[in-house]
Structure formats: C-alpha cells, structure tokens
Amino acid sequence: MSHGEEEQGLMTECSTETSETHATYVFAVCQTEGGPDADGLTGVTHDEPVRSLRVGPLTAIVQTVREADFTDEVWQKRLTDEAELERYARAHHEVVSAVAARFPTVPLPLATLYNGDERASLALASESTRFRTALRRIAHHAEWGIKVYAPVSPSAGDGTPEERTAAAADQGGPAPGAGRAYLERKRNLQSRRAQRQTDSLRLADAVDADVSRLATESRRLRPHGDGAVDDRRVQVLNATYLVAANRAAELDLLVAGLRKRTGAHIEVSGPWVPYSFVGEV
C-alpha cells in the first residue's frame, strides 16, 4: 500500500476535496497486546503525536498529518528534493525501527495515507490475513545484508607481462611475423578473464549457499556496478538474509570463517527491520 493507490482508500482518493483537511499516515502494523509506547517519536510532522490505532487483533502505528502536505503535486515536488525526501524517509524509518525493536512489525511504504482513522482501520483490516502471515514469518528475526567483492581484473598497465603485451597488441595490431604468437596471447588472456569470471560466480554461490543454510529466508539482489575510480573491487554478491535473532552470533562466526577460507572481502550490514521479507503490503 503506497502513495497513489486509489483503490485502497489512500489520501489521494480525495485530494481534490476541500472538506478533508487531515489524513492518517500509517508507518507500520504490529502485533502487541496493548498499544506500543510512541512517546518521544516525532514522526513526519511536529504538529501531532505518533499514536496507535487498533485494527482488529493488530495495531497500526499512525500520525495525523495535514492533507495539503501530501497531495500528489506536493509529493512529486518532494521526490525531486533529495534532502527533503531523505528527511521524510529517516523520520518514517525511525518510527518503524523503534516499534520493531519491541514487537514483530510490518513496515509500510513511505507516505501510506488514508482519509482518516476509520478508512485506515477498514483498509488495513481487509489485509489482516497477509499482515498476520508476515508477522509470523519475521517474528524474532532481523534482516542482514551481505556484499562480497572480488579483485577487479587487472588493467593493461597492471597485469602480467603477457597481458600487457596482449593489450598493447590489441591497440596497435600484431607485429609483422608474430601472428601465431599474437593469437596465442589473445587466447590465453581471454581464458584467464573467463576463469576469473567463473571463480567470481563460484565465490558468490559458495558464500550465498553457506549463509542461506543458516538463514530462514534469503534474497539475492542485483550486484552494484563499479564504485569509486580508485576502488579496485568488483561486487559479485549482493544479498539479504532473514536471520533468527538467536543466530546472530553464528552469522558473525560464519562470515569470519568465509573471509578466511575464500580470501574475499565480505561486508555485513544489519541487523535491520526485515523490510525485504514482509511481502507486498
């Protein structure tokens, strides 16, 4: 459920109506016996407090906001202002993280709004089965990100003498009488490049397989492109894992062992609210 989904009763449904001056902003849905303590949480506005809203057996974390601050026109402008968008995203995440630290919590997308508490409660209640399924899946779990890097292929100036010779021949063409040697160097260079690619894929698969055995669920994402100019690494794995809270120490030990065994540079981030494993909400 996100900004602009008219069929679910979101605020945009009545953005042209002048009678409604406020909307209900929903941060997350959680499972708790009582309303979570939202004291001290600012939310996305300083005008109204962050509070809880009962949705059947579940609880939504909400805030009353001015409708005029979230019209399509205003939000589209906000999307082009990086600093302003980051401010809203941080405020949203702060509320979600604070609640998720205490209760199983399904975060909702940034700028999920409804025309008042009643509409919010009805719309969220209609999705209660999906929420309960997600809450069971992520209870007592956290999301961890793992990125694996392999050394970048050497450039013409950094490679072996054979690779530098082949690279120079690429630029100026083979010297007279050296056709067979030139072709052999080219084949060797291509073979080494192919082997490096194969080794990188095997490395990514090996790390992912080991971490996936420990995790409850996993998702492989598209590796990022090259980083800074002076960054001599190539990302071969970009993945996220849903790991039980009581297995976090095991994950640390596993990654340490993988670094030692493979020699790869492995970055770990987390624990995070399990945004990637709550499904489409």
C-alpha atoms as a PDB file:
ATOM      1  CA  MET A   1       0.000   0.000   0.000  1.00  0.00           C
ATOM      2  CA  SER A   2       1.659   3.199  -1.077  1.00  0.00           C
ATOM      3  CA  HIS A   3       1.019   6.791  -2.056  1.00  0.00           C
ATOM      4  CA  GLY A   4      -1.215   6.877  -5.127  1.00  0.00           C
ATOM      5  CA  GLU A   5      -3.044   3.538  -4.687  1.00  0.00           C
ATOM      6  CA  GLU A   6      -6.546   4.906  -5.006  1.00  0.00           C
ATOM      7  CA  GLU A   7      -8.396   1.633  -4.642  1.00  0.00           C
ATOM      8  CA  GLN A   8      -7.212   1.088  -1.057  1.00  0.00           C
ATOM      9  CA  GLY A   9      -8.639   4.323   0.324  1.00  0.00           C
ATOM     10  CA  LEU A  10      -5.430   6.286   0.325  1.00  0.00           C
ATOM     11  CA  MET A  11      -5.398  10.020   0.827  1.00  0.00           C
ATOM     12  CA  THR A  12      -5.020  10.714  -2.907  1.00  0.00           C
ATOM     13  CA  GLU A  13      -8.540   9.414  -3.389  1.00  0.00           C
ATOM     14  CA  CYS A  14      -9.902  12.729  -2.200  1.00  0.00           C
ATOM     15  CA  SER A  15      -7.020  15.087  -2.911  1.00  0.00           C
ATOM     16  CA  THR A  16      -9.394  17.315  -4.843  1.00  0.00           C
ATOM     17  CA  GLU A  17     -11.878  17.533  -1.965  1.00  0.00           C
ATOM     18  CA  THR A  18     -11.594  20.609   0.225  1.00  0.00           C
ATOM     19  CA  SER A  19     -13.740  19.282   3.107  1.00  0.00           C
ATOM     20  CA  GLU A  20     -10.970  16.947   4.337  1.00  0.00           C
ATOM     21  CA  THR A  21      -8.082  18.830   5.928  1.00  0.00           C
ATOM     22  CA  HIS A  22      -6.305  15.939   7.628  1.00  0.00           C
ATOM     23  CA  ALA A  23      -5.218  12.429   6.745  1.00  0.00           C
ATOM     24  CA  THR A  24      -3.952   9.413   8.657  1.00  0.00           C
ATOM     25  CA  TYR A  25      -0.346   8.495   7.925  1.00  0.00           C
ATOM     26  CA  VAL A  26       0.452   4.825   8.639  1.00  0.00           C
ATOM     27  CA  PHE A  27       4.005   3.794   9.487  1.00  0.00           C
ATOM     28  CA  ALA A  28       3.585   0.119  10.304  1.00  0.00           C
ATOM     29  CA  VAL A  29       1.371  -2.649  11.595  1.00  0.00           C
ATOM     30  CA  CYS A  30       2.468  -4.674  14.608  1.00  0.00           C
ATOM     31  CA  GLN A  31       1.235  -7.423  16.874  1.00  0.00           C
ATOM     32  CA  THR A  32       1.006  -6.500  20.550  1.00  0.00           C
ATOM     33  CA  GLU A  33      -1.426  -6.887  23.419  1.00  0.00           C
ATOM     34  CA  GLY A  34      -1.528  -3.164  24.139  1.00  0.00           C
ATOM     35  CA  GLY A  35      -0.717  -0.029  22.204  1.00  0.00           C
ATOM     36  CA  PRO A  36       3.050   0.464  21.737  1.00  0.00           C
ATOM     37  CA  ASP A  37       4.578   3.366  23.631  1.00  0.00           C
ATOM     38  CA  ALA A  38       5.150   6.019  20.960  1.00  0.00           C
ATOM     39  CA  ASP A  39       6.250   8.765  23.347  1.00  0.00           C
ATOM     40  CA  GLY A  40       9.254  10.670  22.092  1.00  0.00           C
ATOM     41  CA  LEU A  41       8.730   9.753  18.445  1.00  0.00           C
ATOM     42  CA  THR A  42       8.358  12.796  16.214  1.00  0.00           C
ATOM     43  CA  GLY A  43       7.189  11.069  13.066  1.00  0.00           C
ATOM     44  CA  VAL A  44       6.889  13.056   9.848  1.00  0.00           C
ATOM     45  CA  THR A  45       5.388  16.176  11.437  1.00  0.00           C
ATOM     46  CA  HIS A  46       5.747  18.089  14.705  1.00  0.00           C
ATOM     47  CA  ASP A  47       2.050  19.017  14.742  1.00  0.00           C
ATOM     48  CA  GLU A  48       0.551  15.740  16.006  1.00  0.00           C
ATOM     49  CA  PRO A  49       1.914  12.832  18.098  1.00  0.00           C
ATOM     50  CA  VAL A  50       2.646   9.373  16.791  1.00  0.00           C
ATOM     51  CA  ARG A  51      -0.013   7.040  18.217  1.00  0.00           C
ATOM     52  CA  SER A  52      -1.512   3.581  17.916  1.00  0.00           C
ATOM     53  CA  LEU A  53      -4.719   2.594  16.136  1.00  0.00           C
ATOM     54  CA  ARG A  54      -6.420  -0.740  16.755  1.00  0.00           C
ATOM     55  CA  VAL A  55      -7.032  -2.835  13.658  1.00  0.00           C
ATOM     56  CA  GLY A  56      -8.845  -5.879  14.969  1.00  0.00           C
ATOM     57  CA  PRO A  57      -6.224  -8.048  16.732  1.00  0.00           C
ATOM     58  CA  LEU A  58      -3.423  -5.918  15.285  1.00  0.00           C
ATOM     59  CA  THR A  59      -2.187  -2.402  15.936  1.00  0.00           C
ATOM     60  CA  ALA A  60      -1.289   0.252  13.383  1.00  0.00           C
ATOM     61  CA  ILE A  61       1.235   2.977  14.197  1.00  0.00           C
ATOM     62  CA  VAL A  62      -0.143   6.219  12.785  1.00  0.00           C
ATOM     63  CA  GLN A  63       0.036  10.005  12.857  1.00  0.00           C
ATOM     64  CA  THR A  64      -2.434  12.678  11.826  1.00  0.00           C
ATOM     65  CA  VAL A  65      -0.984  14.911   9.089  1.00  0.00           C
ATOM     66  CA  ARG A  66      -2.215  17.838   7.050  1.00  0.00           C
ATOM     67  CA  GLU A  67      -3.746  16.696   3.770  1.00  0.00           C
ATOM     68  CA  ALA A  68      -2.240  19.672   1.960  1.00  0.00           C
ATOM     69  CA  ASP A  69       1.267  18.383   2.764  1.00  0.00           C
ATOM     70  CA  PHE A  70       0.684  15.112   0.910  1.00  0.00           C
ATOM     71  CA  THR A  71      -1.189  15.907  -2.284  1.00  0.00           C
ATOM     72  CA  ASP A  72       0.147  14.338  -5.460  1.00  0.00           C
ATOM     73  CA  GLU A  73       1.562  17.672  -6.585  1.00  0.00           C
ATOM     74  CA  VAL A  74       3.377  18.321  -3.304  1.00  0.00           C
ATOM     75  CA  TRP A  75       4.720  14.783  -3.094  1.00  0.00           C
ATOM     76  CA  GLN A  76       6.012  14.823  -6.661  1.00  0.00           C
ATOM     77  CA  LYS A  77       7.945  18.006  -5.882  1.00  0.00           C
ATOM     78  CA  ARG A  78       9.287  16.385  -2.738  1.00  0.00           C
ATOM     79  CA  LEU A  79      10.599  13.464  -4.767  1.00  0.00           C
ATOM     80  CA  THR A  80      12.882  15.849  -6.643  1.00  0.00           C
ATOM     81  CA  ASP A  81      14.308  17.356  -3.426  1.00  0.00           C
ATOM     82  CA  GLU A  82      16.860  14.830  -2.190  1.00  0.00           C
ATOM     83  CA  ALA A  83      17.373  16.420   1.218  1.00  0.00           C
ATOM     84  CA  GLU A  84      13.666  16.765   1.912  1.00  0.00           C
ATOM     85  CA  LEU A  85      12.923  13.226   0.748  1.00  0.00           C
ATOM     86  CA  GLU A  86      15.706  11.873   2.952  1.00  0.00           C
ATOM     87  CA  ARG A  87      14.259  13.743   5.932  1.00  0.00           C
ATOM     88  CA  TYR A  88      10.875  12.067   5.466  1.00  0.00           C
ATOM     89  CA  ALA A  89      12.459   8.672   4.892  1.00  0.00           C
ATOM     90  CA  ARG A  90      14.546   8.947   8.058  1.00  0.00           C
ATOM     91  CA  ALA A  91      11.550  10.069  10.106  1.00  0.00           C
ATOM     92  CA  HIS A  92       9.490   7.162   8.773  1.00  0.00           C
ATOM     93  CA  HIS A  93      12.264   4.641   9.447  1.00  0.00           C
ATOM     94  CA  GLU A  94      12.863   5.981  12.962  1.00  0.00           C
ATOM     95  CA  VAL A  95       9.281   5.219  13.954  1.00  0.00           C
ATOM     96  CA  VAL A  96       9.312   1.778  12.324  1.00  0.00           C
ATOM     97  CA  SER A  97      12.638   0.858  13.946  1.00  0.00           C
ATOM     98  CA  ALA A  98      11.531   1.991  17.405  1.00  0.00           C
ATOM     99  CA  VAL A  99       8.401  -0.161  17.272  1.00  0.00           C
ATOM    100  CA  ALA A 100      10.152  -3.138  15.649  1.00  0.00           C
ATOM    101  CA  ALA A 101      12.712  -3.183  18.468  1.00  0.00           C
ATOM    102  CA  ARG A 102       9.889  -4.250  20.812  1.00  0.00           C
ATOM    103  CA  PHE A 103       7.291  -6.078  18.720  1.00  0.00           C
ATOM    104  CA  PRO A 104       7.037  -8.050  15.460  1.00  0.00           C
ATOM    105  CA  THR A 105       6.373  -5.252  12.975  1.00  0.00           C
ATOM    106  CA  VAL A 106       5.450  -4.993   9.305  1.00  0.00           C
ATOM    107  CA  PRO A 107       6.697  -1.660   7.930  1.00  0.00           C
ATOM    108  CA  LEU A 108       4.511   0.080   5.357  1.00  0.00           C
ATOM    109  CA  PRO A 109       5.923   2.065   2.431  1.00  0.00           C
ATOM    110  CA  LEU A 110       6.811   5.719   2.800  1.00  0.00           C
ATOM    111  CA  ALA A 111       3.775   8.031   2.519  1.00  0.00           C
ATOM    112  CA  THR A 112       0.997   5.488   3.082  1.00  0.00           C
ATOM    113  CA  LEU A 113      -2.037   7.649   3.889  1.00  0.00           C
ATOM    114  CA  TYR A 114      -5.790   7.313   4.320  1.00  0.00           C
ATOM    115  CA  ASN A 115      -8.697   9.713   4.708  1.00  0.00           C
ATOM    116  CA  GLY A 116      -8.909   9.432   8.481  1.00  0.00           C
ATOM    117  CA  ASP A 117      -8.669   6.689  11.087  1.00  0.00           C
ATOM    118  CA  GLU A 118     -11.864   4.925  10.065  1.00  0.00           C
ATOM    119  CA  ARG A 119     -10.753   4.473   6.457  1.00  0.00           C
ATOM    120  CA  ALA A 120      -7.291   3.414   7.614  1.00  0.00           C
ATOM    121  CA  SER A 121      -8.695   0.834  10.014  1.00  0.00           C
ATOM    122  CA  LEU A 122     -11.076  -0.632   7.422  1.00  0.00           C
ATOM    123  CA  ALA A 123      -8.418  -0.847   4.697  1.00  0.00           C
ATOM    124  CA  LEU A 124      -5.778  -2.377   6.956  1.00  0.00           C
ATOM    125  CA  ALA A 125      -8.273  -4.831   8.462  1.00  0.00           C
ATOM    126  CA  SER A 126      -9.066  -6.096   4.959  1.00  0.00           C
ATOM    127  CA  GLU A 127      -5.398  -7.135   4.675  1.00  0.00           C
ATOM    128  CA  SER A 128      -5.171  -8.641   8.167  1.00  0.00           C
ATOM    129  CA  THR A 129      -4.516 -12.176   6.888  1.00  0.00           C
ATOM    130  CA  ARG A 130      -1.495 -11.008   4.929  1.00  0.00           C
ATOM    131  CA  PHE A 131      -0.243  -8.973   7.876  1.00  0.00           C
ATOM    132  CA  ARG A 132      -0.538 -11.906  10.260  1.00  0.00           C
ATOM    133  CA  THR A 133       1.312 -14.163   7.819  1.00  0.00           C
ATOM    134  CA  ALA A 134       4.139 -11.638   7.515  1.00  0.00           C
ATOM    135  CA  LEU A 135       4.279 -11.110  11.275  1.00  0.00           C
ATOM    136  CA  ARG A 136       4.618 -14.856  11.901  1.00  0.00           C
ATOM    137  CA  ARG A 137       7.416 -15.026   9.324  1.00  0.00           C
ATOM    138  CA  ILE A 138       9.530 -12.216  10.747  1.00  0.00           C
ATOM    139  CA  ALA A 139       8.853 -12.602  14.479  1.00  0.00           C
ATOM    140  CA  HIS A 140      12.165 -12.723  16.401  1.00  0.00           C
ATOM    141  CA  HIS A 141      14.124 -12.239  13.170  1.00  0.00           C
ATOM    142  CA  ALA A 142      16.180  -9.442  11.662  1.00  0.00           C
ATOM    143  CA  GLU A 143      17.412  -8.663   8.172  1.00  0.00           C
ATOM    144  CA  TRP A 144      21.140  -8.756   7.402  1.00  0.00           C
ATOM    145  CA  GLY A 145      22.813  -7.607   4.200  1.00  0.00           C
ATOM    146  CA  ILE A 146      25.927  -9.272   2.797  1.00  0.00           C
ATOM    147  CA  LYS A 147      28.072  -7.985  -0.055  1.00  0.00           C
ATOM    148  CA  VAL A 148      31.004  -9.937  -1.466  1.00  0.00           C
ATOM    149  CA  TYR A 149      33.764  -8.390  -3.545  1.00  0.00           C
ATOM    150  CA  ALA A 150      36.408  -9.980  -5.745  1.00  0.00           C
ATOM    151  CA  PRO A 151      39.546  -8.219  -7.030  1.00  0.00           C
ATOM    152  CA  VAL A 152      38.969  -6.288 -10.237  1.00  0.00           C
ATOM    153  CA  SER A 153      40.530  -7.625 -13.414  1.00  0.00           C
ATOM    154  CA  PRO A 154      43.965  -6.030 -13.901  1.00  0.00           C
ATOM    155  CA  SER A 155      44.184  -3.228 -16.415  1.00  0.00           C
ATOM    156  CA  ALA A 156      46.661  -3.104 -19.256  1.00  0.00           C
ATOM    157  CA  GLY A 157      49.179  -1.322 -17.045  1.00  0.00           C
ATOM    158  CA  ASP A 158      48.740  -3.567 -14.010  1.00  0.00           C
ATOM    159  CA  GLY A 159      48.568  -7.076 -15.438  1.00  0.00           C
ATOM    160  CA  THR A 160      51.159  -9.745 -16.086  1.00  0.00           C
ATOM    161  CA  PRO A 161      53.780  -9.167 -18.830  1.00  0.00           C
ATOM    162  CA  GLU A 162      51.784 -11.440 -21.128  1.00  0.00           C
ATOM    163  CA  GLU A 163      48.569  -9.480 -20.506  1.00  0.00           C
ATOM    164  CA  ARG A 164      50.323  -6.149 -21.060  1.00  0.00           C
ATOM    165  CA  THR A 165      51.797  -7.438 -24.306  1.00  0.00           C
ATOM    166  CA  ALA A 166      48.414  -8.680 -25.500  1.00  0.00           C
ATOM    167  CA  ALA A 167      46.759  -5.412 -24.506  1.00  0.00           C
ATOM    168  CA  ALA A 168      49.352  -3.402 -26.405  1.00  0.00           C
ATOM    169  CA  ALA A 169      48.876  -5.651 -29.418  1.00  0.00           C
ATOM    170  CA  ASP A 170      45.129  -5.009 -29.190  1.00  0.00           C
ATOM    171  CA  GLN A 171      45.724  -1.305 -29.610  1.00  0.00           C
ATOM    172  CA  GLY A 172      48.385  -1.312 -32.300  1.00  0.00           C
ATOM    173  CA  GLY A 173      47.711  -4.586 -34.047  1.00  0.00           C
ATOM    174  CA  PRO A 174      50.056  -7.613 -34.231  1.00  0.00           C
ATOM    175  CA  ALA A 175      53.631  -7.045 -35.260  1.00  0.00           C
ATOM    176  CA  PRO A 176      54.661  -8.457 -38.660  1.00  0.00           C
ATOM    177  CA  GLY A 177      55.532 -12.138 -38.427  1.00  0.00           C
ATOM    178  CA  ALA A 178      54.057 -12.511 -34.942  1.00  0.00           C
ATOM    179  CA  GLY A 179      50.551 -13.616 -35.924  1.00  0.00           C
ATOM    180  CA  ARG A 180      50.617 -17.038 -34.280  1.00  0.00           C
ATOM    181  CA  ALA A 181      52.167 -15.736 -31.046  1.00  0.00           C
ATOM    182  CA  TYR A 182      49.697 -12.866 -31.015  1.00  0.00           C
ATOM    183  CA  LEU A 183      46.705 -15.182 -31.342  1.00  0.00           C
ATOM    184  CA  GLU A 184      48.078 -17.445 -28.617  1.00  0.00           C
ATOM    185  CA  ARG A 185      48.474 -14.495 -26.249  1.00  0.00           C
ATOM    186  CA  LYS A 186      44.932 -13.388 -27.049  1.00  0.00           C
ATOM    187  CA  ARG A 187      43.565 -16.847 -26.301  1.00  0.00           C
ATOM    188  CA  ASN A 188      45.461 -17.021 -23.012  1.00  0.00           C
ATOM    189  CA  LEU A 189      44.221 -13.592 -21.983  1.00  0.00           C
ATOM    190  CA  GLN A 190      40.613 -14.459 -22.806  1.00  0.00           C
ATOM    191  CA  SER A 191      40.958 -17.750 -20.954  1.00  0.00           C
ATOM    192  CA  ARG A 192      42.252 -16.012 -17.825  1.00  0.00           C
ATOM    193  CA  ARG A 193      39.427 -13.485 -17.958  1.00  0.00           C
ATOM    194  CA  ALA A 194      36.869 -16.258 -18.333  1.00  0.00           C
ATOM    195  CA  GLN A 195      38.434 -18.127 -15.418  1.00  0.00           C
ATOM    196  CA  ARG A 196      38.270 -15.037 -13.222  1.00  0.00           C
ATOM    197  CA  GLN A 197      34.586 -14.656 -14.084  1.00  0.00           C
ATOM    198  CA  THR A 198      33.927 -18.310 -13.290  1.00  0.00           C
ATOM    199  CA  ASP A 199      35.808 -18.033  -9.998  1.00  0.00           C
ATOM    200  CA  SER A 200      33.795 -14.940  -9.045  1.00  0.00           C
ATOM    201  CA  LEU A 201      30.492 -16.700  -9.715  1.00  0.00           C
ATOM    202  CA  ARG A 202      31.604 -19.728  -7.719  1.00  0.00           C
ATOM    203  CA  LEU A 203      32.660 -17.473  -4.861  1.00  0.00           C
ATOM    204  CA  ALA A 204      29.269 -15.732  -4.815  1.00  0.00           C
ATOM    205  CA  ASP A 205      27.397 -19.048  -4.934  1.00  0.00           C
ATOM    206  CA  ALA A 206      29.537 -20.564  -2.168  1.00  0.00           C
ATOM    207  CA  VAL A 207      29.032 -17.650   0.227  1.00  0.00           C
ATOM    208  CA  ASP A 208      25.318 -17.434  -0.533  1.00  0.00           C
ATOM    209  CA  ALA A 209      24.841 -21.182  -0.031  1.00  0.00           C
ATOM    210  CA  ASP A 210      26.566 -21.173   3.366  1.00  0.00           C
ATOM    211  CA  VAL A 211      24.698 -18.128   4.687  1.00  0.00           C
ATOM    212  CA  SER A 212      21.377 -19.381   3.274  1.00  0.00           C
ATOM    213  CA  ARG A 213      21.712 -22.594   5.284  1.00  0.00           C
ATOM    214  CA  LEU A 214      21.840 -20.513   8.455  1.00  0.00           C
ATOM    215  CA  ALA A 215      19.133 -18.033   7.435  1.00  0.00           C
ATOM    216  CA  THR A 216      15.392 -18.602   7.479  1.00  0.00           C
ATOM    217  CA  GLU A 217      14.969 -16.909   4.082  1.00  0.00           C
ATOM    218  CA  SER A 218      17.236 -15.143   1.609  1.00  0.00           C
ATOM    219  CA  ARG A 219      17.080 -12.888  -1.425  1.00  0.00           C
ATOM    220  CA  ARG A 220      19.827 -12.293  -3.977  1.00  0.00           C
ATOM    221  CA  LEU A 221      19.803  -8.798  -5.426  1.00  0.00           C
ATOM    222  CA  ARG A 222      21.481  -7.373  -8.489  1.00  0.00           C
ATOM    223  CA  PRO A 223      25.150  -6.617  -7.721  1.00  0.00           C
ATOM    224  CA  HIS A 224      26.031  -2.947  -7.773  1.00  0.00           C
ATOM    225  CA  GLY A 225      28.190  -1.528 -10.517  1.00  0.00           C
ATOM    226  CA  ASP A 226      31.737  -0.292 -10.129  1.00  0.00           C
ATOM    227  CA  GLY A 227      32.276   2.070  -7.227  1.00  0.00           C
ATOM    228  CA  ALA A 228      34.784   4.878  -6.941  1.00  0.00           C
ATOM    229  CA  VAL A 229      37.543   5.205  -9.515  1.00  0.00           C
ATOM    230  CA  ASP A 230      40.163   4.046  -7.001  1.00  0.00           C
ATOM    231  CA  ASP A 231      38.049   1.135  -5.758  1.00  0.00           C
ATOM    232  CA  ARG A 232      39.722  -1.980  -7.185  1.00  0.00           C
ATOM    233  CA  ARG A 233      36.886  -4.313  -6.175  1.00  0.00           C
ATOM    234  CA  VAL A 234      34.098  -5.929  -8.147  1.00  0.00           C
ATOM    235  CA  GLN A 235      30.893  -6.836  -6.307  1.00  0.00           C
ATOM    236  CA  VAL A 236      29.974 -10.443  -7.029  1.00  0.00           C
ATOM    237  CA  LEU A 237      27.223 -10.922  -4.427  1.00  0.00           C
ATOM    238  CA  ASN A 238      24.601  -8.542  -3.084  1.00  0.00           C
ATOM    239  CA  ALA A 239      22.135 -10.432  -0.917  1.00  0.00           C
ATOM    240  CA  THR A 240      19.907 -10.030   2.104  1.00  0.00           C
ATOM    241  CA  TYR A 241      19.026 -12.662   4.680  1.00  0.00           C
ATOM    242  CA  LEU A 242      16.312 -13.159   7.283  1.00  0.00           C
ATOM    243  CA  VAL A 243      18.139 -14.485  10.342  1.00  0.00           C
ATOM    244  CA  ALA A 244      16.696 -15.540  13.701  1.00  0.00           C
ATOM    245  CA  ALA A 245      17.788 -13.208  16.485  1.00  0.00           C
ATOM    246  CA  ASN A 246      19.336 -16.063  18.452  1.00  0.00           C
ATOM    247  CA  ARG A 247      21.589 -16.952  15.479  1.00  0.00           C
ATOM    248  CA  ALA A 248      23.233 -13.549  15.012  1.00  0.00           C
ATOM    249  CA  ALA A 249      26.433 -14.716  16.735  1.00  0.00           C
ATOM    250  CA  GLU A 250      26.543 -17.753  14.425  1.00  0.00           C
ATOM    251  CA  LEU A 251      26.335 -15.427  11.447  1.00  0.00           C
ATOM    252  CA  ASP A 252      29.340 -13.455  12.700  1.00  0.00           C
ATOM    253  CA  LEU A 253      31.386 -16.629  13.083  1.00  0.00           C
ATOM    254  CA  LEU A 254      30.299 -17.943   9.696  1.00  0.00           C
ATOM    255  CA  VAL A 255      31.291 -14.743   7.883  1.00  0.00           C
ATOM    256  CA  ALA A 256      34.650 -14.667   9.670  1.00  0.00           C
ATOM    257  CA  GLY A 257      35.284 -18.223   8.509  1.00  0.00           C
ATOM    258  CA  LEU A 258      34.248 -17.402   4.940  1.00  0.00           C
ATOM    259  CA  ARG A 259      36.617 -14.439   4.835  1.00  0.00           C
ATOM    260  CA  LYS A 260      39.492 -16.646   5.980  1.00  0.00           C
ATOM    261  CA  ARG A 261      38.642 -19.533   3.670  1.00  0.00           C
ATOM    262  CA  THR A 262      37.937 -17.566   0.494  1.00  0.00           C
ATOM    263  CA  GLY A 263      40.150 -14.516   0.943  1.00  0.00           C
ATOM    264  CA  ALA A 264      37.236 -12.398  -0.309  1.00  0.00           C
ATOM    265  CA  HIS A 265      36.247  -9.006   1.031  1.00  0.00           C
ATOM    266  CA  ILE A 266      32.838  -9.572   2.679  1.00  0.00           C
ATOM    267  CA  GLU A 267      30.778  -6.687   4.062  1.00  0.00           C
ATOM    268  CA  VAL A 268      27.954  -7.311   6.547  1.00  0.00           C
ATOM    269  CA  SER A 269      25.263  -4.784   7.458  1.00  0.00           C
ATOM    270  CA  GLY A 270      22.474  -5.091   9.982  1.00  0.00           C
ATOM    271  CA  PRO A 271      20.523  -6.013  11.927  1.00  0.00           C
ATOM    272  CA  TRP A 272      17.707  -4.210  10.133  1.00  0.00           C
ATOM    273  CA  VAL A 273      13.938  -4.220  10.255  1.00  0.00           C
ATOM    274  CA  PRO A 274      13.101  -7.034   7.786  1.00  0.00           C
ATOM    275  CA  TYR A 275      11.671  -4.824   5.028  1.00  0.00           C
ATOM    276  CA  SER A 276      12.663  -7.347   2.345  1.00  0.00           C
ATOM    277  CA  PHE A 277      10.709 -10.230   3.857  1.00  0.00           C
ATOM    278  CA  VAL A 278       7.284  -8.850   4.690  1.00  0.00           C
ATOM    279  CA  GLY A 279       5.882  -9.407   1.200  1.00  0.00           C
ATOM    280  CA  GLU A 280       3.781  -6.982  -0.808  1.00  0.00           C
ATOM    281  CA  VAL A 281       1.977  -4.788   1.740  1.00  0.00           C
END
